[in-house]
Amino acid sequence: MGVINTEVNAMLERPAVFADLVNGLLHGGEQVLKPEDLTPLPLRYGVIVEEGGRRKAVEKTGDVRMKAENDIYSVSFFDETQVKVDYGMPVRNMLYDALEYRRQMQELEKEHREKGELKSPEELLSGITKEDRLRPVVNLVLYLGKEWDGSRSLHKMLALDRENEKVKELLPYVADYRLNIIPVRAIKDPENYKSCLQHIFYMLRFNEDKEKLYEYVNSHREELDRMDSVEMAAAFAMLGEQKRLKKLVSRQKKEGKETGMCKAIDDLILDGEKRGREQGEKIGEKRGQERLARLIVVLSENHKDDLIIKAASDSAFRRKLFKEYNI
């Protein structure tokens, strides 16, 4: 797992933030799921399967796993944080879901067998009863990149000619699996979120326009400065500024200064402007050198070597020659 994933997942592991993510995405901001409804599930999980009479463990490691239980539903929520597109994501997430459903079945079977509740041949074969119900799995893919150009469902990955009439007859019998891609840079209603996610999603929206980003920061300084180090790190990771932030915080700590969210953004914007000026100066200097070099070549070709030294030392005379020779 990369640094960005780690920092974002550290924020999402907080029940208040995870509940806010679910409420914002699924319930339009209505507070259906509360932090106290959530219980973390193990990040490393798997099941025992039998192949050829041999028992074998199938394990996977996920990003954030939460069990949600309240009066409305009992659901397993999974989050996969993606910085880059995974073109095999439908198969990968389908396996995660299948392992979780299989794990739930094994838990039910263990409980039934301990109580001697499996009686009929069908129950003994299945390991569960007809009345048993599994907890739904909702697998969310939090995508931090600019555009998801991979398949969003298993069907899209399949080598099938969908224009062929016989394939059209076949397709309904081919099970599909759909991804729940959440492109964080294009969240439509940031106001639906009540935690730090609201401000992060707004800043992501303005990330390409530093002027609008600065306006947003200035109008929400009090709320932004309440963000702690974990939320700050996640925010800057999602904004793509975690490396610069790390250097900035390290430098300010040495100077005995505290860095809040707004101050960090102020400093990053100023640092960006400074770097932009420096880069512009370097480009200007390089272009000036190239322009003078072309002038020297032209003067030499025209046998006016006596003007070269004067052109190099007298800027007004040099500008006159640039204009004269259209350089």
Protein backbone atom coordinates (compact mmCIF):
# COMPACT_ATOMS: atom_id res chain seq x y z
CA MET A 1 0.00 0.00 0.00
CA GLY A 2 1.35 3.42 -0.97
CA VAL A 3 1.76 6.46 1.26
CA ILE A 4 -1.30 8.18 -0.19
CA ASN A 5 -3.54 5.15 0.40
CA THR A 6 -2.22 4.80 3.95
CA GLU A 7 -2.93 8.44 4.84
CA VAL A 8 -6.41 8.44 3.30
CA ASN A 9 -7.31 5.11 4.90
CA ALA A 10 -6.11 6.33 8.32
CA MET A 11 -8.78 9.03 8.06
CA LEU A 12 -11.50 6.67 6.77
CA GLU A 13 -10.86 4.21 9.60
CA ARG A 14 -12.40 6.77 11.94
CA PRO A 15 -16.06 5.75 12.42
CA ALA A 16 -17.28 9.37 12.27
CA VAL A 17 -15.62 9.94 8.87
CA PHE A 18 -16.61 6.54 7.45
CA ALA A 19 -20.23 7.02 8.55
CA ASP A 20 -20.18 10.46 6.92
CA LEU A 21 -18.84 8.96 3.66
CA VAL A 22 -21.68 6.41 3.58
CA ASN A 23 -24.36 8.95 4.51
CA GLY A 24 -23.14 11.40 1.88
CA LEU A 25 -22.85 8.84 -0.91
CA LEU A 26 -25.83 6.60 -0.22
CA HIS A 27 -28.31 8.70 1.73
CA GLY A 28 -27.92 12.24 0.35
CA GLY A 29 -26.43 13.48 3.62
CA GLU A 30 -29.23 12.15 5.83
CA GLN A 31 -27.71 10.82 9.06
CA VAL A 32 -28.88 7.23 8.63
CA LEU A 33 -25.63 5.65 9.79
CA LYS A 34 -24.07 6.81 13.03
CA PRO A 35 -20.43 6.31 14.12
CA GLU A 36 -21.55 4.08 17.01
CA ASP A 37 -23.27 1.76 14.47
CA LEU A 38 -19.89 0.80 13.01
CA THR A 39 -17.53 -1.98 14.07
CA PRO A 40 -14.17 -2.42 12.30
CA LEU A 41 -13.72 -5.74 10.51
CA PRO A 42 -10.29 -7.38 10.12
CA LEU A 43 -8.35 -6.00 7.16
CA ARG A 44 -6.80 -9.39 6.51
CA TYR A 45 -9.46 -11.99 5.96
CA GLY A 46 -10.07 -15.22 4.11
CA VAL A 47 -11.72 -18.60 4.06
CA ILE A 48 -10.76 -22.27 4.03
CA VAL A 49 -11.61 -24.06 0.81
CA GLU A 50 -11.23 -27.70 -0.18
CA GLU A 51 -9.58 -28.74 -3.44
CA GLY A 52 -9.07 -32.40 -4.26
CA GLY A 53 -9.61 -33.38 -0.64
CA ARG A 54 -7.03 -30.86 0.61
CA ARG A 55 -7.89 -27.82 2.71
CA LYS A 56 -6.38 -24.54 1.63
CA ALA A 57 -6.60 -20.94 2.89
CA VAL A 58 -7.57 -18.15 0.50
CA GLU A 59 -6.68 -14.77 1.99
CA LYS A 60 -6.94 -11.15 0.92
CA THR A 61 -5.95 -7.85 2.53
CA GLY A 62 -8.26 -4.88 2.14
CA ASP A 63 -8.13 -1.16 2.89
CA VAL A 64 -11.03 -0.30 5.23
CA ARG A 65 -13.68 -2.77 6.42
CA MET A 66 -16.66 -1.85 8.60
CA LYS A 67 -19.72 -3.74 9.83
CA ALA A 68 -22.76 -1.46 10.11
CA GLU A 69 -25.66 -2.50 12.30
CA ASN A 70 -28.65 -0.37 13.24
CA ASP A 71 -32.45 -0.50 13.11
CA ILE A 72 -32.43 0.02 9.34
CA TYR A 73 -29.86 -2.43 8.03
CA SER A 74 -26.97 -4.78 8.77
CA VAL A 75 -24.31 -4.31 6.09
CA SER A 76 -20.60 -4.95 5.56
CA PHE A 77 -19.03 -1.85 4.01
CA PHE A 78 -15.71 -2.20 2.22
CA ASP A 79 -13.57 0.65 0.93
CA GLU A 80 -10.82 0.24 -1.65
CA THR A 81 -8.75 3.42 -2.05
CA GLN A 82 -7.24 3.66 -5.53
CA VAL A 83 -4.65 6.18 -6.67
CA LYS A 84 -4.26 4.52 -10.08
CA VAL A 85 -6.71 2.67 -12.29
CA ASP A 86 -6.75 -1.11 -11.78
CA TYR A 87 -8.02 -2.62 -15.04
CA GLY A 88 -8.84 -5.86 -13.23
CA MET A 89 -10.85 -4.16 -10.47
CA PRO A 90 -14.19 -5.86 -11.21
CA VAL A 91 -12.64 -9.32 -10.75
CA ARG A 92 -10.63 -8.20 -7.72
CA ASN A 93 -13.62 -6.72 -5.90
CA MET A 94 -15.86 -9.61 -6.89
CA LEU A 95 -13.39 -11.92 -5.13
CA TYR A 96 -13.40 -9.70 -2.02
CA ASP A 97 -17.19 -9.86 -1.87
CA ALA A 98 -17.28 -13.62 -2.45
CA LEU A 99 -14.77 -14.20 0.35
CA GLU A 100 -16.83 -12.10 2.75
CA TYR A 101 -20.06 -13.95 1.90
CA ARG A 102 -18.27 -17.28 2.24
CA ARG A 103 -16.84 -16.16 5.61
CA GLN A 104 -20.34 -15.29 6.83
CA MET A 105 -21.59 -18.73 5.74
CA GLN A 106 -18.78 -20.45 7.60
CA GLU A 107 -19.61 -18.49 10.76
CA LEU A 108 -23.26 -19.55 10.48
CA GLU A 109 -22.27 -23.16 9.85
CA LYS A 110 -19.96 -23.18 12.88
CA GLU A 111 -22.71 -21.80 15.10
CA HIS A 112 -25.30 -24.28 13.80
CA ARG A 113 -23.02 -27.27 14.22
CA GLU A 114 -22.05 -26.28 17.76
CA LYS A 115 -25.77 -26.17 18.64
CA GLY A 116 -26.64 -29.29 16.62
CA GLU A 117 -29.17 -27.36 14.55
CA LEU A 118 -28.40 -28.83 11.11
CA LYS A 119 -30.86 -31.69 10.66
CA SER A 120 -31.98 -32.23 7.07
CA PRO A 121 -29.69 -33.50 4.27
CA GLU A 122 -30.00 -30.09 2.60
CA GLU A 123 -28.91 -28.28 5.77
CA LEU A 124 -26.03 -30.66 6.34
CA LEU A 125 -24.93 -30.16 2.72
CA SER A 126 -25.27 -26.36 2.81
CA GLY A 127 -24.02 -25.74 6.33
CA ILE A 128 -26.84 -23.19 6.73
CA THR A 129 -30.61 -23.32 7.03
CA LYS A 130 -33.26 -22.06 4.62
CA GLU A 131 -34.04 -19.20 7.02
CA ASP A 132 -30.46 -17.95 7.31
CA ARG A 133 -29.70 -14.59 5.69
CA LEU A 134 -26.32 -13.08 4.86
CA ARG A 135 -25.26 -9.50 5.58
CA PRO A 136 -25.04 -7.53 2.28
CA VAL A 137 -21.62 -6.31 1.18
CA VAL A 138 -21.28 -2.78 -0.22
CA ASN A 139 -17.88 -2.35 -1.84
CA LEU A 140 -16.89 1.25 -2.58
CA VAL A 141 -13.89 2.21 -4.73
CA LEU A 142 -12.65 5.63 -3.65
CA TYR A 143 -10.72 6.80 -6.71
CA LEU A 144 -8.24 9.64 -6.19
CA GLY A 145 -7.03 9.97 -9.78
CA LYS A 146 -8.32 12.26 -12.53
CA GLU A 147 -10.28 9.85 -14.72
CA TRP A 148 -11.23 6.19 -14.39
CA ASP A 149 -10.75 4.73 -17.87
CA GLY A 150 -11.04 1.10 -16.80
CA SER A 151 -14.04 -1.21 -16.91
CA ARG A 152 -16.79 -0.46 -14.42
CA SER A 153 -18.32 -3.91 -14.57
CA LEU A 154 -17.33 -7.51 -15.27
CA HIS A 155 -19.38 -7.56 -18.48
CA LYS A 156 -17.25 -4.75 -19.91
CA MET A 157 -14.17 -6.95 -19.46
CA LEU A 158 -15.59 -9.90 -21.36
CA ALA A 159 -14.60 -10.76 -24.93
CA LEU A 160 -18.11 -10.81 -26.38
CA ASP A 161 -19.51 -9.39 -29.61
CA ARG A 162 -22.60 -7.65 -28.24
CA GLU A 163 -23.92 -6.97 -31.74
CA ASN A 164 -24.19 -10.68 -32.45
CA GLU A 165 -27.75 -11.94 -31.96
CA LYS A 166 -26.66 -15.24 -30.42
CA VAL A 167 -24.38 -13.41 -27.97
CA LYS A 168 -27.34 -11.22 -26.97
CA GLU A 169 -29.22 -14.42 -26.11
CA LEU A 170 -26.25 -15.65 -24.07
CA LEU A 171 -25.47 -12.44 -22.16
CA PRO A 172 -28.38 -12.54 -19.64
CA TYR A 173 -26.99 -15.84 -18.36
CA VAL A 174 -23.51 -14.43 -17.78
CA ALA A 175 -23.33 -13.08 -14.22
CA ASP A 176 -22.20 -9.47 -13.99
CA TYR A 177 -20.42 -7.56 -11.23
CA ARG A 178 -20.63 -3.75 -11.11
CA LEU A 179 -18.06 -1.44 -9.51
CA ASN A 180 -19.09 1.42 -7.25
CA ILE A 181 -16.50 3.95 -8.44
CA ILE A 182 -16.40 7.14 -6.34
CA PRO A 183 -14.28 9.73 -8.22
CA VAL A 184 -13.45 12.10 -5.37
CA ARG A 185 -12.42 14.91 -7.72
CA ALA A 186 -15.95 15.00 -9.12
CA ILE A 187 -18.14 14.64 -6.01
CA LYS A 188 -21.35 16.45 -6.99
CA ASP A 189 -22.71 17.51 -3.61
CA PRO A 190 -19.93 18.14 -1.09
CA GLU A 191 -22.47 19.86 1.17
CA ASN A 192 -24.01 16.41 1.86
CA TYR A 193 -20.95 15.60 3.97
CA LYS A 194 -20.73 16.89 7.52
CA SER A 195 -17.18 15.93 8.52
CA CYS A 196 -13.81 17.04 7.16
CA LEU A 197 -14.83 15.27 3.91
CA GLN A 198 -16.97 18.27 2.94
CA HIS A 199 -13.97 20.60 2.91
CA ILE A 200 -11.69 18.04 1.28
CA PHE A 201 -14.17 17.42 -1.55
CA TYR A 202 -14.64 21.17 -2.11
CA MET A 203 -10.87 21.73 -2.20
CA LEU A 204 -10.48 18.86 -4.67
CA ARG A 205 -13.08 20.54 -6.88
CA PHE A 206 -10.98 23.75 -6.91
CA ASN A 207 -7.59 22.03 -7.01
CA GLU A 208 -6.91 23.04 -10.62
CA ASP A 209 -7.85 26.67 -9.92
CA LYS A 210 -5.57 28.04 -7.18
CA GLU A 211 -7.48 31.34 -7.03
CA LYS A 212 -10.80 29.59 -6.25
CA LEU A 213 -9.01 27.25 -3.85
CA TYR A 214 -7.58 30.24 -2.00
CA GLU A 215 -11.02 31.92 -1.89
CA TYR A 216 -12.54 28.77 -0.39
CA VAL A 217 -9.76 28.47 2.19
CA ASN A 218 -10.15 32.13 3.21
CA SER A 219 -13.90 31.77 3.71
CA HIS A 220 -13.59 28.55 5.75
CA ARG A 221 -10.46 29.19 7.78
CA GLU A 222 -12.05 28.43 11.15
CA GLU A 223 -13.43 25.03 10.07
CA LEU A 224 -10.29 24.06 8.19
CA ASP A 225 -8.04 24.88 11.12
CA ARG A 226 -10.01 22.42 13.24
CA MET A 227 -8.69 19.57 11.08
CA ASP A 228 -6.13 17.47 12.95
CA SER A 229 -2.90 15.97 11.60
CA VAL A 230 -4.54 12.77 10.28
CA GLU A 231 -7.24 14.68 8.39
CA MET A 232 -4.68 17.18 7.14
CA ALA A 233 -2.38 14.45 5.85
CA ALA A 234 -5.29 12.76 4.06
CA ALA A 235 -6.43 16.06 2.55
CA PHE A 236 -3.02 16.92 1.15
CA ALA A 237 -2.53 13.35 -0.07
CA MET A 238 -5.78 13.62 -2.04
CA LEU A 239 -4.79 17.08 -3.30
CA GLY A 240 -1.48 15.63 -4.49
CA GLU A 241 0.57 17.88 -2.20
CA GLN A 242 1.67 15.40 0.48
CA LYS A 243 5.39 15.55 -0.42
CA ARG A 244 5.55 19.35 -0.35
CA LEU A 245 3.49 19.41 2.85
CA LYS A 246 5.84 16.96 4.54
CA LYS A 247 8.84 19.18 3.74
CA LEU A 248 6.95 22.29 4.86
CA VAL A 249 5.83 20.78 8.19
CA SER A 250 9.32 19.41 8.84
CA ARG A 251 10.85 22.84 8.20
CA GLN A 252 8.33 24.64 10.40
CA LYS A 253 8.74 22.15 13.23
CA LYS A 254 12.47 22.88 13.25
CA GLU A 255 11.59 26.56 13.53
CA GLY A 256 9.20 25.80 16.42
CA LYS A 257 6.09 26.81 14.47
CA GLU A 258 2.66 25.15 14.44
CA THR A 259 1.14 24.36 11.05
CA GLY A 260 -2.64 24.42 10.68
CA MET A 261 -4.52 23.53 7.51
CA CYS A 262 -5.00 27.12 6.33
CA LYS A 263 -1.43 28.17 7.11
CA ALA A 264 -0.16 25.11 5.27
CA ILE A 265 -2.26 25.95 2.19
CA ASP A 266 -1.16 29.60 2.36
CA ASP A 267 2.47 28.53 2.47
CA LEU A 268 2.03 25.97 -0.30
CA ILE A 269 0.41 28.55 -2.58
CA LEU A 270 3.16 31.10 -1.82
CA ASP A 271 5.77 28.40 -2.36
CA GLY A 272 4.13 27.50 -5.67
CA GLU A 273 4.10 31.14 -6.77
CA LYS A 274 7.76 31.51 -5.79
CA ARG A 275 8.69 28.36 -7.67
CA GLY A 276 6.67 29.61 -10.65
CA ARG A 277 8.56 32.93 -10.64
CA GLU A 278 11.90 31.16 -10.35
CA GLN A 279 11.01 28.81 -13.16
CA GLY A 280 9.84 31.76 -15.26
CA GLU A 281 13.09 33.59 -14.59
CA LYS A 282 15.10 30.55 -15.62
CA ILE A 283 13.08 30.17 -18.81
CA GLY A 284 13.46 33.89 -19.56
CA GLU A 285 17.19 33.73 -18.94
CA LYS A 286 17.56 30.72 -21.22
CA ARG A 287 15.54 32.38 -23.98
CA GLY A 288 17.63 35.56 -23.64
CA GLN A 289 20.82 33.56 -24.01
CA GLU A 290 19.47 31.75 -27.06
CA ARG A 291 18.39 35.07 -28.61
CA LEU A 292 21.83 36.64 -28.05
CA ALA A 293 23.51 33.55 -29.50
CA ARG A 294 21.39 33.86 -32.68
CA LEU A 295 22.30 37.57 -32.94
CA ILE A 296 26.03 36.79 -32.64
CA VAL A 297 25.73 34.19 -35.43
CA VAL A 298 23.89 36.68 -37.68
CA LEU A 299 26.45 39.44 -37.03
CA SER A 300 29.30 37.04 -37.73
CA GLU A 301 27.71 35.84 -40.98
CA ASN A 302 27.31 39.50 -42.03
CA HIS A 303 30.99 40.22 -41.20
CA LYS A 304 30.07 42.64 -38.43
CA ASP A 305 32.23 41.13 -35.71
CA ASP A 306 32.99 44.61 -34.38
CA LEU A 307 29.37 44.94 -33.22
CA ILE A 308 29.32 41.70 -31.21
CA ILE A 309 31.07 43.09 -28.10
CA LYS A 310 28.90 46.21 -28.08
CA ALA A 311 25.71 44.10 -28.49
CA ALA A 312 26.72 41.91 -25.56
CA SER A 313 27.38 44.87 -23.22
CA ASP A 314 24.79 47.45 -24.31
CA SER A 315 21.16 46.29 -23.81
CA ALA A 316 19.64 49.25 -25.72
CA PHE A 317 21.90 48.62 -28.71
CA ARG A 318 21.13 44.88 -28.46
CA ARG A 319 17.37 45.51 -28.58
CA LYS A 320 17.87 47.71 -31.64
CA LEU A 321 19.77 44.89 -33.41
CA PHE A 322 17.11 42.31 -32.39
CA LYS A 323 14.52 44.49 -34.11
CA GLU A 324 16.73 45.17 -37.13
CA TYR A 325 17.47 41.48 -37.76
CA ASN A 326 14.00 40.31 -36.65
CA ILE A 327 15.33 38.06 -33.90
